[in-house]
Amino acid sequence: HAGDSQQLIGVTRLMSAADRQEAEFAILVADAWQGTGVGSALTDYCLSVAKQWGLQFVTAQVASQNPRMLGMLQRRGFLPQQSSDEDTELGTICLKCRLSD
């Protein structure tokens, strides 16, 4: 509607495998909103949903040139995994977080 001041500032995706053991997490935050806590809040929400679903692991592919994202995920328990040839070619790092003990 004309005059609405709503804007999309971030999106996340949590894609679960059919066995609901693991899901892939992705996030995108608008440039103007990066560093404001939006990404952290969206990530925490997705991890909460993943736990509610009973998932055991969440993985994420992160650009190796994105230290802010890598740090944010590592503070939440994500650990770097063995790099594949595809990761190396794309310049990404695969991280994995165990949700259950």
N, C-alpha and C. Protein backbone atom coordinates (compact mmCIF):
# COMPACT_ATOMS: atom_id res chain seq x y z
N HIS A 1 0.83 -1.18 0.00
CA HIS A 1 0.00 0.00 0.00
C HIS A 1 0.88 1.25 0.00
N ALA A 2 0.43 2.28 -0.65
CA ALA A 2 1.15 3.54 -0.67
C ALA A 2 1.23 4.10 0.74
N GLY A 3 2.40 4.59 1.10
CA GLY A 3 2.58 5.17 2.42
C GLY A 3 3.05 4.20 3.49
N ASP A 4 3.07 2.91 3.20
CA ASP A 4 3.58 1.94 4.16
C ASP A 4 5.09 2.13 4.30
N SER A 5 5.58 2.05 5.51
CA SER A 5 7.01 2.21 5.74
C SER A 5 7.68 0.88 6.05
N GLN A 6 7.04 -0.22 5.75
CA GLN A 6 7.61 -1.52 6.02
C GLN A 6 8.69 -1.83 4.99
N GLN A 7 9.75 -2.48 5.46
CA GLN A 7 10.80 -2.92 4.54
C GLN A 7 11.34 -4.26 5.02
N LEU A 8 11.80 -5.04 4.09
CA LEU A 8 12.40 -6.33 4.40
C LEU A 8 13.85 -6.09 4.79
N ILE A 9 14.23 -6.46 6.01
CA ILE A 9 15.60 -6.21 6.46
C ILE A 9 16.42 -7.48 6.60
N GLY A 10 15.76 -8.64 6.59
CA GLY A 10 16.50 -9.89 6.69
C GLY A 10 15.60 -11.08 6.44
N VAL A 11 16.21 -12.15 5.96
CA VAL A 11 15.49 -13.40 5.73
C VAL A 11 16.38 -14.56 6.19
N THR A 12 15.74 -15.62 6.63
CA THR A 12 16.46 -16.84 6.99
C THR A 12 15.76 -18.03 6.35
N ARG A 13 16.52 -19.11 6.27
CA ARG A 13 15.96 -20.36 5.75
C ARG A 13 16.53 -21.48 6.58
N LEU A 14 15.68 -22.39 6.95
CA LEU A 14 16.07 -23.60 7.66
C LEU A 14 15.47 -24.75 6.87
N MET A 15 16.31 -25.48 6.16
CA MET A 15 15.84 -26.55 5.28
C MET A 15 16.23 -27.90 5.87
N SER A 16 15.24 -28.66 6.29
CA SER A 16 15.48 -29.93 6.95
C SER A 16 15.52 -31.08 5.95
N ALA A 17 16.39 -32.02 6.22
CA ALA A 17 16.41 -33.27 5.47
C ALA A 17 15.16 -34.07 5.84
N ALA A 18 14.79 -35.01 5.00
CA ALA A 18 13.56 -35.79 5.21
C ALA A 18 13.57 -36.53 6.55
N ASP A 19 14.75 -36.95 7.01
CA ASP A 19 14.82 -37.69 8.27
C ASP A 19 14.79 -36.78 9.51
N ARG A 20 14.77 -35.48 9.28
CA ARG A 20 14.71 -34.49 10.35
C ARG A 20 15.82 -34.66 11.38
N GLN A 21 16.98 -35.09 10.93
CA GLN A 21 18.15 -35.18 11.80
C GLN A 21 19.01 -33.92 11.67
N GLU A 22 18.99 -33.34 10.46
CA GLU A 22 19.88 -32.23 10.15
C GLU A 22 19.16 -31.23 9.25
N ALA A 23 19.56 -29.96 9.37
CA ALA A 23 19.00 -28.93 8.50
C ALA A 23 20.11 -27.99 8.08
N GLU A 24 19.91 -27.36 6.92
CA GLU A 24 20.83 -26.34 6.46
C GLU A 24 20.24 -24.98 6.79
N PHE A 25 21.08 -24.12 7.34
CA PHE A 25 20.67 -22.77 7.74
C PHE A 25 21.29 -21.75 6.80
N ALA A 26 20.50 -20.77 6.40
CA ALA A 26 21.00 -19.66 5.59
C ALA A 26 20.35 -18.37 6.08
N ILE A 27 21.09 -17.28 5.93
CA ILE A 27 20.59 -15.99 6.39
C ILE A 27 21.11 -14.90 5.46
N LEU A 28 20.29 -13.87 5.30
CA LEU A 28 20.69 -12.69 4.53
C LEU A 28 20.11 -11.48 5.25
N VAL A 29 20.98 -10.53 5.58
CA VAL A 29 20.56 -9.29 6.25
C VAL A 29 20.95 -8.12 5.35
N ALA A 30 20.02 -7.21 5.16
CA ALA A 30 20.29 -6.03 4.32
C ALA A 30 21.52 -5.29 4.84
N ASP A 31 22.31 -4.76 3.92
CA ASP A 31 23.56 -4.08 4.29
C ASP A 31 23.37 -3.06 5.40
N ALA A 32 22.35 -2.24 5.29
CA ALA A 32 22.12 -1.17 6.28
C ALA A 32 21.84 -1.71 7.68
N TRP A 33 21.46 -2.96 7.79
CA TRP A 33 21.09 -3.55 9.08
C TRP A 33 22.16 -4.49 9.62
N GLN A 34 23.24 -4.70 8.88
CA GLN A 34 24.30 -5.58 9.37
C GLN A 34 25.00 -4.93 10.55
N GLY A 35 25.34 -5.73 11.54
CA GLY A 35 26.01 -5.23 12.73
C GLY A 35 25.07 -4.63 13.76
N THR A 36 23.77 -4.77 13.57
CA THR A 36 22.79 -4.20 14.50
C THR A 36 22.13 -5.24 15.40
N GLY A 37 22.47 -6.51 15.22
CA GLY A 37 21.86 -7.58 16.02
C GLY A 37 20.73 -8.30 15.33
N VAL A 38 20.33 -7.83 14.14
CA VAL A 38 19.25 -8.49 13.40
C VAL A 38 19.65 -9.92 13.05
N GLY A 39 20.86 -10.10 12.53
CA GLY A 39 21.32 -11.44 12.16
C GLY A 39 21.39 -12.38 13.36
N SER A 40 21.86 -11.87 14.47
CA SER A 40 21.93 -12.69 15.69
C SER A 40 20.54 -13.11 16.15
N ALA A 41 19.60 -12.17 16.13
CA ALA A 41 18.23 -12.49 16.56
C ALA A 41 17.58 -13.51 15.63
N LEU A 42 17.76 -13.34 14.32
CA LEU A 42 17.19 -14.30 13.36
C LEU A 42 17.83 -15.67 13.51
N THR A 43 19.14 -15.70 13.73
CA THR A 43 19.85 -16.96 13.92
C THR A 43 19.37 -17.67 15.17
N ASP A 44 19.27 -16.94 16.27
CA ASP A 44 18.80 -17.55 17.52
C ASP A 44 17.39 -18.12 17.35
N TYR A 45 16.54 -17.39 16.64
CA TYR A 45 15.18 -17.87 16.41
C TYR A 45 15.20 -19.17 15.61
N CYS A 46 16.00 -19.22 14.53
CA CYS A 46 16.07 -20.43 13.71
C CYS A 46 16.63 -21.61 14.50
N LEU A 47 17.61 -21.37 15.33
CA LEU A 47 18.15 -22.46 16.15
C LEU A 47 17.11 -22.96 17.14
N SER A 48 16.29 -22.07 17.66
CA SER A 48 15.20 -22.45 18.55
C SER A 48 14.18 -23.33 17.81
N VAL A 49 13.84 -22.93 16.60
CA VAL A 49 12.91 -23.72 15.78
C VAL A 49 13.51 -25.10 15.49
N ALA A 50 14.79 -25.13 15.15
CA ALA A 50 15.46 -26.41 14.85
C ALA A 50 15.39 -27.34 16.05
N LYS A 51 15.57 -26.81 17.25
CA LYS A 51 15.47 -27.63 18.47
C LYS A 51 14.04 -28.12 18.67
N GLN A 52 13.07 -27.25 18.41
CA GLN A 52 11.66 -27.65 18.53
C GLN A 52 11.34 -28.78 17.57
N TRP A 53 11.94 -28.75 16.39
CA TRP A 53 11.73 -29.81 15.39
C TRP A 53 12.42 -31.11 15.79
N GLY A 54 13.27 -31.06 16.80
CA GLY A 54 14.00 -32.25 17.23
C GLY A 54 15.23 -32.55 16.39
N LEU A 55 15.73 -31.57 15.66
CA LEU A 55 16.92 -31.76 14.83
C LEU A 55 18.14 -31.97 15.71
N GLN A 56 19.10 -32.71 15.20
CA GLN A 56 20.34 -32.94 15.94
C GLN A 56 21.46 -32.01 15.50
N PHE A 57 21.46 -31.63 14.21
CA PHE A 57 22.53 -30.78 13.68
C PHE A 57 21.95 -29.71 12.76
N VAL A 58 22.65 -28.57 12.71
CA VAL A 58 22.37 -27.52 11.74
C VAL A 58 23.69 -27.18 11.08
N THR A 59 23.69 -27.09 9.76
CA THR A 59 24.89 -26.72 9.02
C THR A 59 24.70 -25.38 8.32
N ALA A 60 25.80 -24.73 8.01
CA ALA A 60 25.76 -23.45 7.30
C ALA A 60 27.00 -23.33 6.42
N GLN A 61 26.82 -22.80 5.24
CA GLN A 61 27.93 -22.49 4.32
C GLN A 61 28.16 -20.98 4.42
N VAL A 62 29.37 -20.57 4.75
CA VAL A 62 29.67 -19.16 4.94
C VAL A 62 30.87 -18.79 4.08
N ALA A 63 30.81 -17.62 3.46
CA ALA A 63 31.95 -17.13 2.68
C ALA A 63 33.15 -16.97 3.62
N SER A 64 34.29 -17.48 3.19
CA SER A 64 35.48 -17.39 4.03
C SER A 64 35.89 -15.94 4.27
N GLN A 65 35.41 -15.03 3.45
CA GLN A 65 35.71 -13.60 3.58
C GLN A 65 34.66 -12.86 4.44
N ASN A 66 33.90 -13.62 5.25
CA ASN A 66 32.85 -13.02 6.07
C ASN A 66 33.12 -13.32 7.56
N PRO A 67 34.14 -12.66 8.14
CA PRO A 67 34.51 -12.97 9.52
C PRO A 67 33.42 -12.66 10.54
N ARG A 68 32.59 -11.66 10.27
CA ARG A 68 31.51 -11.32 11.21
C ARG A 68 30.54 -12.50 11.34
N MET A 69 30.13 -13.07 10.20
CA MET A 69 29.20 -14.20 10.21
C MET A 69 29.85 -15.44 10.83
N LEU A 70 31.09 -15.70 10.46
CA LEU A 70 31.80 -16.85 11.01
C LEU A 70 31.87 -16.75 12.54
N GLY A 71 32.21 -15.58 13.04
CA GLY A 71 32.31 -15.38 14.49
C GLY A 71 30.97 -15.54 15.18
N MET A 72 29.92 -14.97 14.57
CA MET A 72 28.59 -15.06 15.17
C MET A 72 28.14 -16.52 15.28
N LEU A 73 28.39 -17.30 14.23
CA LEU A 73 27.99 -18.71 14.28
C LEU A 73 28.87 -19.50 15.25
N GLN A 74 30.14 -19.23 15.27
CA GLN A 74 31.03 -19.96 16.18
C GLN A 74 30.67 -19.66 17.64
N ARG A 75 30.24 -18.46 17.96
CA ARG A 75 29.80 -18.14 19.32
C ARG A 75 28.55 -18.92 19.71
N ARG A 76 27.84 -19.44 18.73
CA ARG A 76 26.64 -20.23 18.98
C ARG A 76 26.90 -21.74 18.88
N GLY A 77 28.16 -22.12 18.82
CA GLY A 77 28.50 -23.54 18.83
C GLY A 77 28.77 -24.16 17.48
N PHE A 78 28.73 -23.39 16.41
CA PHE A 78 29.05 -23.93 15.08
C PHE A 78 30.56 -24.12 14.99
N LEU A 79 30.97 -25.28 14.46
CA LEU A 79 32.38 -25.59 14.30
C LEU A 79 32.69 -25.84 12.82
N PRO A 80 33.86 -25.36 12.36
CA PRO A 80 34.25 -25.61 10.96
C PRO A 80 34.39 -27.11 10.71
N GLN A 81 33.99 -27.53 9.53
CA GLN A 81 34.08 -28.93 9.12
C GLN A 81 35.19 -29.09 8.08
N GLN A 82 35.51 -30.33 7.78
CA GLN A 82 36.50 -30.61 6.74
C GLN A 82 36.07 -29.95 5.44
N SER A 83 36.97 -29.21 4.82
CA SER A 83 36.64 -28.52 3.57
C SER A 83 36.56 -29.51 2.42
N SER A 84 35.53 -29.34 1.60
CA SER A 84 35.41 -30.14 0.38
C SER A 84 36.04 -29.36 -0.77
N ASP A 85 36.23 -30.03 -1.90
CA ASP A 85 36.74 -29.34 -3.09
C ASP A 85 35.80 -28.22 -3.50
N GLU A 86 34.49 -28.47 -3.37
CA GLU A 86 33.50 -27.45 -3.74
C GLU A 86 33.62 -26.22 -2.83
N ASP A 87 33.80 -26.45 -1.51
CA ASP A 87 33.99 -25.33 -0.58
C ASP A 87 35.19 -24.49 -0.99
N THR A 88 36.29 -25.16 -1.32
CA THR A 88 37.51 -24.47 -1.70
C THR A 88 37.29 -23.65 -2.96
N GLU A 89 36.63 -24.25 -3.96
CA GLU A 89 36.37 -23.54 -5.22
C GLU A 89 35.47 -22.34 -5.01
N LEU A 90 34.46 -22.47 -4.15
CA LEU A 90 33.50 -21.40 -3.91
C LEU A 90 33.99 -20.38 -2.89
N GLY A 91 35.07 -20.69 -2.19
CA GLY A 91 35.55 -19.80 -1.15
C GLY A 91 34.65 -19.79 0.08
N THR A 92 34.07 -20.95 0.40
CA THR A 92 33.17 -21.04 1.55
C THR A 92 33.73 -21.98 2.60
N ILE A 93 33.19 -21.85 3.78
CA ILE A 93 33.53 -22.73 4.89
C ILE A 93 32.22 -23.35 5.38
N CYS A 94 32.23 -24.65 5.57
CA CYS A 94 31.06 -25.35 6.11
C CYS A 94 31.21 -25.41 7.62
N LEU A 95 30.16 -24.99 8.32
CA LEU A 95 30.13 -25.06 9.77
C LEU A 95 28.96 -25.93 10.19
N LYS A 96 29.13 -26.60 11.34
CA LYS A 96 28.07 -27.50 11.83
C LYS A 96 27.90 -27.29 13.32
N CYS A 97 26.65 -27.29 13.76
CA CYS A 97 26.31 -27.11 15.16
C CYS A 97 25.50 -28.31 15.64
N ARG A 98 25.93 -28.90 16.74
CA ARG A 98 25.19 -30.01 17.35
C ARG A 98 24.17 -29.41 18.31
N LEU A 99 22.90 -29.76 18.14
CA LEU A 99 21.84 -29.20 18.96
C LEU A 99 21.49 -30.05 20.16
N SER A 100 21.72 -31.36 20.06
CA SER A 100 21.37 -32.25 21.16
C SER A 100 22.66 -32.77 21.80
N ASP A 101 22.54 -33.13 23.06
CA ASP A 101 23.73 -33.62 23.79
C ASP A 101 24.04 -35.05 23.48
